[in-house]
Amino acid sequence: MSDDGCRAFGGWLAGCGAATAILSGVVQTLLMVASGGDIMRLLGGAIALLLPTFLVLVVTCVLTAIPAAVVIWLSEELEIRSAGFFAGAGAAIGALSITVLLRSPAVWTSGLVCLFAAAGFVAGLTYWFVVRELEAAEHSS
């Protein structure tokens, strides 16, 4: 795999991790509120969320692989290096992913699309940041 491909893969994987962290953070926040200050209940809930968080990461990787590859290819072809481009593309991929995952009009009125778009936005920024940092590290060597 070329250096560009390795950077892109690393950035995409970091973006998937960032999106998973956002989604899991929202669930953890809801869990903290629901625990009512009971530390043991909160700890039990946090431990119970480990497997679902891993599954969210896997599903995120599966749902975003092709759209992200298209965006990355397009950015390379058109020489787009803008953080805004990747953030916007990530938000669009996030909204598309939840729409494909849950095929219901209620997704749009429940706020889930906004949550997934926000997670995608952060994922796109993460991709941009990681790729730029890896590129800078290669050029400084």
N, C-alpha and C. Protein backbone atom coordinates (compact mmCIF):
# COMPACT_ATOMS: atom_id res chain seq x y z
N MET A 1 0.85 -1.17 0.00
CA MET A 1 0.00 0.00 0.00
C MET A 1 0.89 1.24 0.00
N SER A 2 0.53 2.21 -0.77
CA SER A 2 1.34 3.43 -0.86
C SER A 2 1.24 4.24 0.43
N ASP A 3 2.15 5.22 0.54
CA ASP A 3 2.12 6.09 1.72
C ASP A 3 0.80 6.84 1.80
N ASP A 4 0.29 7.30 0.65
CA ASP A 4 -1.00 8.00 0.64
C ASP A 4 -2.11 7.08 1.13
N GLY A 5 -2.08 5.83 0.71
CA GLY A 5 -3.09 4.87 1.13
C GLY A 5 -3.02 4.57 2.61
N CYS A 6 -1.81 4.45 3.13
CA CYS A 6 -1.63 4.20 4.56
C CYS A 6 -2.13 5.39 5.39
N ARG A 7 -1.80 6.59 4.93
CA ARG A 7 -2.27 7.79 5.63
C ARG A 7 -3.80 7.85 5.60
N ALA A 8 -4.37 7.60 4.43
CA ALA A 8 -5.83 7.66 4.29
C ALA A 8 -6.51 6.61 5.17
N PHE A 9 -5.95 5.40 5.19
CA PHE A 9 -6.53 4.34 6.03
C PHE A 9 -6.44 4.71 7.50
N GLY A 10 -5.29 5.20 7.92
CA GLY A 10 -5.12 5.61 9.32
C GLY A 10 -6.06 6.74 9.69
N GLY A 11 -6.21 7.71 8.80
CA GLY A 11 -7.12 8.82 9.05
C GLY A 11 -8.56 8.37 9.12
N TRP A 12 -8.96 7.46 8.21
CA TRP A 12 -10.33 6.94 8.21
C TRP A 12 -10.60 6.16 9.48
N LEU A 13 -9.66 5.32 9.89
CA LEU A 13 -9.84 4.54 11.11
C LEU A 13 -9.94 5.45 12.33
N ALA A 14 -9.11 6.49 12.37
CA ALA A 14 -9.19 7.46 13.47
C ALA A 14 -10.53 8.18 13.45
N GLY A 15 -11.02 8.51 12.26
CA GLY A 15 -12.33 9.14 12.14
C GLY A 15 -13.44 8.24 12.64
N CYS A 16 -13.37 6.96 12.31
CA CYS A 16 -14.37 6.00 12.82
C CYS A 16 -14.32 5.94 14.34
N GLY A 17 -13.12 5.97 14.89
CA GLY A 17 -12.97 5.98 16.34
C GLY A 17 -13.54 7.24 16.97
N ALA A 18 -13.33 8.36 16.31
CA ALA A 18 -13.85 9.63 16.83
C ALA A 18 -15.38 9.64 16.80
N ALA A 19 -15.96 9.16 15.71
CA ALA A 19 -17.43 9.10 15.62
C ALA A 19 -17.99 8.17 16.69
N THR A 20 -17.33 7.05 16.90
CA THR A 20 -17.76 6.11 17.94
C THR A 20 -17.67 6.75 19.31
N ALA A 21 -16.61 7.50 19.56
CA ALA A 21 -16.45 8.19 20.84
C ALA A 21 -17.58 9.20 21.07
N ILE A 22 -17.96 9.92 20.03
CA ILE A 22 -19.05 10.90 20.16
C ILE A 22 -20.34 10.18 20.50
N LEU A 23 -20.68 9.14 19.74
CA LEU A 23 -21.92 8.41 19.97
C LEU A 23 -21.93 7.75 21.34
N SER A 24 -20.85 7.14 21.72
CA SER A 24 -20.77 6.49 23.03
C SER A 24 -20.76 7.52 24.16
N GLY A 25 -20.17 8.66 23.92
CA GLY A 25 -20.17 9.73 24.92
C GLY A 25 -21.57 10.23 25.23
N VAL A 26 -22.40 10.31 24.20
CA VAL A 26 -23.79 10.72 24.41
C VAL A 26 -24.52 9.69 25.26
N VAL A 27 -24.32 8.41 24.95
CA VAL A 27 -24.96 7.34 25.72
C VAL A 27 -24.45 7.35 27.16
N GLN A 28 -23.13 7.56 27.33
CA GLN A 28 -22.57 7.62 28.69
C GLN A 28 -23.15 8.79 29.47
N THR A 29 -23.32 9.92 28.80
CA THR A 29 -23.91 11.08 29.47
C THR A 29 -25.33 10.78 29.92
N LEU A 30 -26.10 10.16 29.05
CA LEU A 30 -27.46 9.77 29.42
C LEU A 30 -27.45 8.78 30.58
N LEU A 31 -26.48 7.88 30.57
CA LEU A 31 -26.35 6.91 31.65
C LEU A 31 -26.00 7.61 32.97
N MET A 32 -25.14 8.63 32.92
CA MET A 32 -24.80 9.37 34.14
C MET A 32 -26.02 10.06 34.72
N VAL A 33 -26.82 10.64 33.86
CA VAL A 33 -28.03 11.32 34.32
C VAL A 33 -29.00 10.31 34.91
N ALA A 34 -29.15 9.16 34.24
CA ALA A 34 -30.10 8.14 34.69
C ALA A 34 -29.65 7.45 35.97
N SER A 35 -28.34 7.44 36.25
CA SER A 35 -27.85 6.74 37.44
C SER A 35 -28.23 7.47 38.73
N GLY A 36 -28.55 8.75 38.61
CA GLY A 36 -28.97 9.49 39.79
C GLY A 36 -27.89 9.60 40.85
N GLY A 37 -26.65 9.54 40.49
CA GLY A 37 -25.55 9.68 41.45
C GLY A 37 -25.10 8.36 42.06
N ASP A 38 -25.72 7.25 41.68
CA ASP A 38 -25.32 5.93 42.19
C ASP A 38 -24.09 5.46 41.41
N ILE A 39 -22.94 5.51 42.06
CA ILE A 39 -21.66 5.19 41.42
C ILE A 39 -21.62 3.74 40.93
N MET A 40 -22.12 2.83 41.71
CA MET A 40 -22.08 1.42 41.32
C MET A 40 -22.97 1.17 40.09
N ARG A 41 -24.11 1.81 40.04
CA ARG A 41 -25.00 1.69 38.89
C ARG A 41 -24.32 2.28 37.64
N LEU A 42 -23.66 3.41 37.83
CA LEU A 42 -22.95 4.05 36.72
C LEU A 42 -21.81 3.17 36.24
N LEU A 43 -21.03 2.61 37.14
CA LEU A 43 -19.91 1.74 36.79
C LEU A 43 -20.41 0.49 36.06
N GLY A 44 -21.47 -0.10 36.57
CA GLY A 44 -22.05 -1.28 35.92
C GLY A 44 -22.52 -0.96 34.51
N GLY A 45 -23.13 0.19 34.35
CA GLY A 45 -23.59 0.60 33.02
C GLY A 45 -22.43 0.85 32.07
N ALA A 46 -21.36 1.45 32.59
CA ALA A 46 -20.19 1.73 31.76
C ALA A 46 -19.54 0.42 31.29
N ILE A 47 -19.45 -0.54 32.17
CA ILE A 47 -18.88 -1.84 31.81
C ILE A 47 -19.78 -2.56 30.80
N ALA A 48 -21.09 -2.45 31.01
CA ALA A 48 -22.03 -3.09 30.09
C ALA A 48 -21.98 -2.47 28.70
N LEU A 49 -21.50 -1.24 28.59
CA LEU A 49 -21.44 -0.56 27.29
C LEU A 49 -20.17 -0.87 26.49
N LEU A 50 -19.24 -1.62 27.05
CA LEU A 50 -17.99 -1.91 26.33
C LEU A 50 -18.24 -2.68 25.04
N LEU A 51 -19.00 -3.76 25.09
CA LEU A 51 -19.27 -4.53 23.88
C LEU A 51 -20.10 -3.73 22.88
N PRO A 52 -21.19 -3.06 23.32
CA PRO A 52 -21.93 -2.25 22.35
C PRO A 52 -21.08 -1.15 21.70
N THR A 53 -20.15 -0.57 22.44
CA THR A 53 -19.28 0.46 21.87
C THR A 53 -18.39 -0.14 20.79
N PHE A 54 -17.86 -1.33 21.04
CA PHE A 54 -17.05 -2.01 20.03
C PHE A 54 -17.90 -2.31 18.79
N LEU A 55 -19.14 -2.74 19.00
CA LEU A 55 -20.03 -3.03 17.87
C LEU A 55 -20.36 -1.76 17.08
N VAL A 56 -20.51 -0.63 17.79
CA VAL A 56 -20.73 0.64 17.10
C VAL A 56 -19.54 0.97 16.22
N LEU A 57 -18.32 0.74 16.72
CA LEU A 57 -17.12 0.98 15.92
C LEU A 57 -17.11 0.11 14.67
N VAL A 58 -17.44 -1.15 14.82
CA VAL A 58 -17.45 -2.06 13.67
C VAL A 58 -18.50 -1.62 12.65
N VAL A 59 -19.70 -1.32 13.11
CA VAL A 59 -20.77 -0.89 12.21
C VAL A 59 -20.40 0.43 11.53
N THR A 60 -19.78 1.32 12.29
CA THR A 60 -19.33 2.60 11.72
C THR A 60 -18.33 2.36 10.59
N CYS A 61 -17.39 1.47 10.82
CA CYS A 61 -16.40 1.15 9.79
C CYS A 61 -17.07 0.55 8.56
N VAL A 62 -17.99 -0.35 8.76
CA VAL A 62 -18.66 -1.01 7.63
C VAL A 62 -19.50 -0.01 6.84
N LEU A 63 -20.28 0.82 7.54
CA LEU A 63 -21.18 1.75 6.85
C LEU A 63 -20.45 2.89 6.15
N THR A 64 -19.29 3.25 6.64
CA THR A 64 -18.61 4.43 6.08
C THR A 64 -17.48 4.10 5.11
N ALA A 65 -17.12 2.84 4.99
CA ALA A 65 -15.95 2.49 4.18
C ALA A 65 -16.06 2.98 2.74
N ILE A 66 -17.13 2.65 2.06
CA ILE A 66 -17.25 3.03 0.64
C ILE A 66 -17.47 4.54 0.48
N PRO A 67 -18.41 5.16 1.23
CA PRO A 67 -18.55 6.61 1.06
C PRO A 67 -17.27 7.38 1.39
N ALA A 68 -16.58 6.96 2.43
CA ALA A 68 -15.33 7.64 2.80
C ALA A 68 -14.27 7.44 1.72
N ALA A 69 -14.20 6.25 1.14
CA ALA A 69 -13.23 6.01 0.07
C ALA A 69 -13.52 6.91 -1.13
N VAL A 70 -14.79 7.11 -1.43
CA VAL A 70 -15.16 8.00 -2.55
C VAL A 70 -14.75 9.44 -2.24
N VAL A 71 -15.01 9.89 -1.01
CA VAL A 71 -14.65 11.25 -0.62
C VAL A 71 -13.13 11.42 -0.65
N ILE A 72 -12.40 10.44 -0.15
CA ILE A 72 -10.93 10.52 -0.14
C ILE A 72 -10.40 10.54 -1.57
N TRP A 73 -10.94 9.68 -2.42
CA TRP A 73 -10.51 9.66 -3.83
C TRP A 73 -10.80 11.01 -4.49
N LEU A 74 -12.01 11.53 -4.26
CA LEU A 74 -12.39 12.81 -4.84
C LEU A 74 -11.46 13.93 -4.37
N SER A 75 -11.14 13.92 -3.08
CA SER A 75 -10.25 14.97 -2.55
C SER A 75 -8.86 14.87 -3.16
N GLU A 76 -8.40 13.66 -3.42
CA GLU A 76 -7.09 13.49 -4.06
C GLU A 76 -7.13 13.93 -5.52
N GLU A 77 -8.17 13.56 -6.23
CA GLU A 77 -8.29 13.92 -7.64
C GLU A 77 -8.39 15.43 -7.83
N LEU A 78 -9.16 16.08 -6.96
CA LEU A 78 -9.38 17.53 -7.08
C LEU A 78 -8.42 18.35 -6.21
N GLU A 79 -7.50 17.64 -5.54
CA GLU A 79 -6.52 18.26 -4.66
C GLU A 79 -7.16 19.16 -3.62
N ILE A 80 -8.19 18.64 -2.97
CA ILE A 80 -8.89 19.37 -1.92
C ILE A 80 -8.22 19.03 -0.59
N ARG A 81 -7.79 20.04 0.13
CA ARG A 81 -7.13 19.84 1.42
C ARG A 81 -7.84 20.59 2.54
N SER A 82 -9.05 21.01 2.34
CA SER A 82 -9.79 21.85 3.27
C SER A 82 -10.41 21.03 4.41
N ALA A 83 -10.22 21.50 5.62
CA ALA A 83 -10.85 20.86 6.77
C ALA A 83 -12.37 20.92 6.64
N GLY A 84 -12.88 22.03 6.11
CA GLY A 84 -14.32 22.18 5.93
C GLY A 84 -14.89 21.15 4.98
N PHE A 85 -14.15 20.80 3.94
CA PHE A 85 -14.60 19.78 3.00
C PHE A 85 -14.77 18.45 3.71
N PHE A 86 -13.77 18.05 4.48
CA PHE A 86 -13.82 16.76 5.16
C PHE A 86 -14.85 16.76 6.28
N ALA A 87 -15.00 17.87 6.98
CA ALA A 87 -16.02 17.96 8.03
C ALA A 87 -17.43 17.86 7.42
N GLY A 88 -17.65 18.57 6.33
CA GLY A 88 -18.95 18.51 5.66
C GLY A 88 -19.24 17.14 5.08
N ALA A 89 -18.23 16.55 4.46
CA ALA A 89 -18.40 15.20 3.91
C ALA A 89 -18.67 14.19 5.04
N GLY A 90 -17.97 14.35 6.15
CA GLY A 90 -18.19 13.46 7.29
C GLY A 90 -19.60 13.60 7.84
N ALA A 91 -20.09 14.84 7.93
CA ALA A 91 -21.45 15.06 8.40
C ALA A 91 -22.46 14.42 7.46
N ALA A 92 -22.24 14.56 6.16
CA ALA A 92 -23.14 13.96 5.18
C ALA A 92 -23.11 12.43 5.28
N ILE A 93 -21.93 11.86 5.45
CA ILE A 93 -21.81 10.40 5.58
C ILE A 93 -22.49 9.94 6.87
N GLY A 94 -22.35 10.69 7.95
CA GLY A 94 -23.01 10.34 9.20
C GLY A 94 -24.53 10.35 9.06
N ALA A 95 -25.06 11.39 8.42
CA ALA A 95 -26.51 11.46 8.20
C ALA A 95 -26.98 10.34 7.29
N LEU A 96 -26.21 10.05 6.25
CA LEU A 96 -26.55 8.96 5.33
C LEU A 96 -26.52 7.61 6.05
N SER A 97 -25.54 7.42 6.91
CA SER A 97 -25.38 6.13 7.60
C SER A 97 -26.58 5.81 8.49
N ILE A 98 -27.03 6.77 9.29
CA ILE A 98 -28.17 6.49 10.17
C ILE A 98 -29.45 6.34 9.37
N THR A 99 -29.53 7.04 8.24
CA THR A 99 -30.70 6.91 7.39
C THR A 99 -30.76 5.52 6.77
N VAL A 100 -29.61 4.97 6.39
CA VAL A 100 -29.55 3.62 5.83
C VAL A 100 -29.79 2.58 6.92
N LEU A 101 -29.23 2.83 8.10
CA LEU A 101 -29.32 1.87 9.20
C LEU A 101 -30.76 1.76 9.73
N LEU A 102 -31.40 2.88 9.93
CA LEU A 102 -32.78 2.91 10.44
C LEU A 102 -33.68 3.56 9.39
N ARG A 103 -34.30 2.76 8.60
CA ARG A 103 -35.11 3.27 7.49
C ARG A 103 -36.49 3.68 7.98
N SER A 104 -36.53 4.84 8.60
CA SER A 104 -37.79 5.36 9.11
C SER A 104 -37.76 6.88 9.05
N PRO A 105 -38.87 7.50 8.68
CA PRO A 105 -38.91 8.97 8.68
C PRO A 105 -38.72 9.56 10.09
N ALA A 106 -38.98 8.76 11.11
CA ALA A 106 -38.82 9.24 12.48
C ALA A 106 -37.37 9.56 12.81
N VAL A 107 -36.43 8.98 12.06
CA VAL A 107 -35.01 9.27 12.27
C VAL A 107 -34.75 10.76 12.09
N TRP A 108 -35.44 11.37 11.13
CA TRP A 108 -35.23 12.78 10.83
C TRP A 108 -35.88 13.69 11.86
N THR A 109 -36.95 13.25 12.50
CA THR A 109 -37.62 14.11 13.47
C THR A 109 -37.17 13.86 14.89
N SER A 110 -36.46 12.76 15.12
CA SER A 110 -36.05 12.42 16.48
C SER A 110 -34.76 13.09 16.92
N GLY A 111 -34.03 13.63 15.99
CA GLY A 111 -32.74 14.22 16.33
C GLY A 111 -31.56 13.29 16.11
N LEU A 112 -31.83 12.04 15.76
CA LEU A 112 -30.74 11.09 15.52
C LEU A 112 -29.87 11.51 14.35
N VAL A 113 -30.48 12.05 13.32
CA VAL A 113 -29.69 12.49 12.16
C VAL A 113 -28.71 13.58 12.59
N CYS A 114 -29.17 14.50 13.43
CA CYS A 114 -28.27 15.57 13.90
C CYS A 114 -27.12 14.99 14.71
N LEU A 115 -27.41 14.02 15.55
CA LEU A 115 -26.36 13.38 16.36
C LEU A 115 -25.34 12.68 15.46
N PHE A 116 -25.82 11.93 14.49
CA PHE A 116 -24.90 11.21 13.60
C PHE A 116 -24.17 12.16 12.67
N ALA A 117 -24.83 13.24 12.27
CA ALA A 117 -24.14 14.24 11.44
C ALA A 117 -23.03 14.91 12.26
N ALA A 118 -23.30 15.19 13.53
CA ALA A 118 -22.28 15.78 14.39
C ALA A 118 -21.10 14.81 14.57
N ALA A 119 -21.41 13.54 14.77
CA ALA A 119 -20.35 12.53 14.90
C ALA A 119 -19.54 12.45 13.60
N GLY A 120 -20.21 12.52 12.47
CA GLY A 120 -19.53 12.49 11.18
C GLY A 120 -18.68 13.73 10.97
N PHE A 121 -19.19 14.88 11.42
CA PHE A 121 -18.45 16.14 11.33
C PHE A 121 -17.11 16.00 12.07
N VAL A 122 -17.18 15.48 13.29
CA VAL A 122 -15.96 15.28 14.09
C VAL A 122 -15.06 14.24 13.43
N ALA A 123 -15.66 13.20 12.86
CA ALA A 123 -14.87 12.18 12.16
C ALA A 123 -14.13 12.78 10.97
N GLY A 124 -14.80 13.63 10.21
CA GLY A 124 -14.16 14.27 9.06
C GLY A 124 -13.01 15.17 9.48
N LEU A 125 -13.22 15.93 10.54
CA LEU A 125 -12.12 16.77 11.05
C LEU A 125 -10.97 15.92 11.57
N THR A 126 -11.30 14.82 12.21
CA THR A 126 -10.26 13.91 12.71
C THR A 126 -9.46 13.34 11.55
N TYR A 127 -10.15 12.92 10.50
CA TYR A 127 -9.47 12.41 9.31
C TYR A 127 -8.49 13.46 8.77
N TRP A 128 -9.00 14.67 8.59
CA TRP A 128 -8.18 15.74 8.05
C TRP A 128 -6.94 15.97 8.92
N PHE A 129 -7.14 16.05 10.24
CA PHE A 129 -6.04 16.31 11.15
C PHE A 129 -5.01 15.18 11.12
N VAL A 130 -5.45 13.94 11.20
CA VAL A 130 -4.54 12.81 11.24
C VAL A 130 -3.73 12.72 9.94
N VAL A 131 -4.41 12.87 8.81
CA VAL A 131 -3.71 12.78 7.52
C VAL A 131 -2.68 13.89 7.39
N ARG A 132 -3.02 15.11 7.77
CA ARG A 132 -2.07 16.23 7.69
C ARG A 132 -0.88 16.00 8.62
N GLU A 133 -1.14 15.48 9.83
CA GLU A 133 -0.05 15.23 10.76
C GLU A 133 0.88 14.12 10.24
N LEU A 134 0.31 13.05 9.69
CA LEU A 134 1.13 11.97 9.15
C LEU A 134 1.94 12.45 7.96
N GLU A 135 1.33 13.28 7.13
CA GLU A 135 2.03 13.83 5.97
C GLU A 135 3.19 14.72 6.42
N ALA A 136 2.95 15.55 7.42
CA ALA A 136 3.99 16.45 7.94
C ALA A 136 5.13 15.64 8.56
N ALA A 137 4.80 14.57 9.25
CA ALA A 137 5.83 13.74 9.88
C ALA A 137 6.70 13.06 8.81
N GLU A 138 6.07 12.64 7.70
CA GLU A 138 6.84 12.01 6.62
C GLU A 138 7.79 13.01 5.96
N HIS A 139 7.34 14.25 5.79
CA HIS A 139 8.17 15.25 5.13
C HIS A 139 9.29 15.77 6.02
N SER A 140 9.12 15.66 7.33
CA SER A 140 10.16 16.17 8.23
C SER A 140 11.26 15.13 8.45
N SER A 141 11.01 13.88 8.04
CA SER A 141 12.02 12.82 8.23
C SER A 141 13.09 12.88 7.19
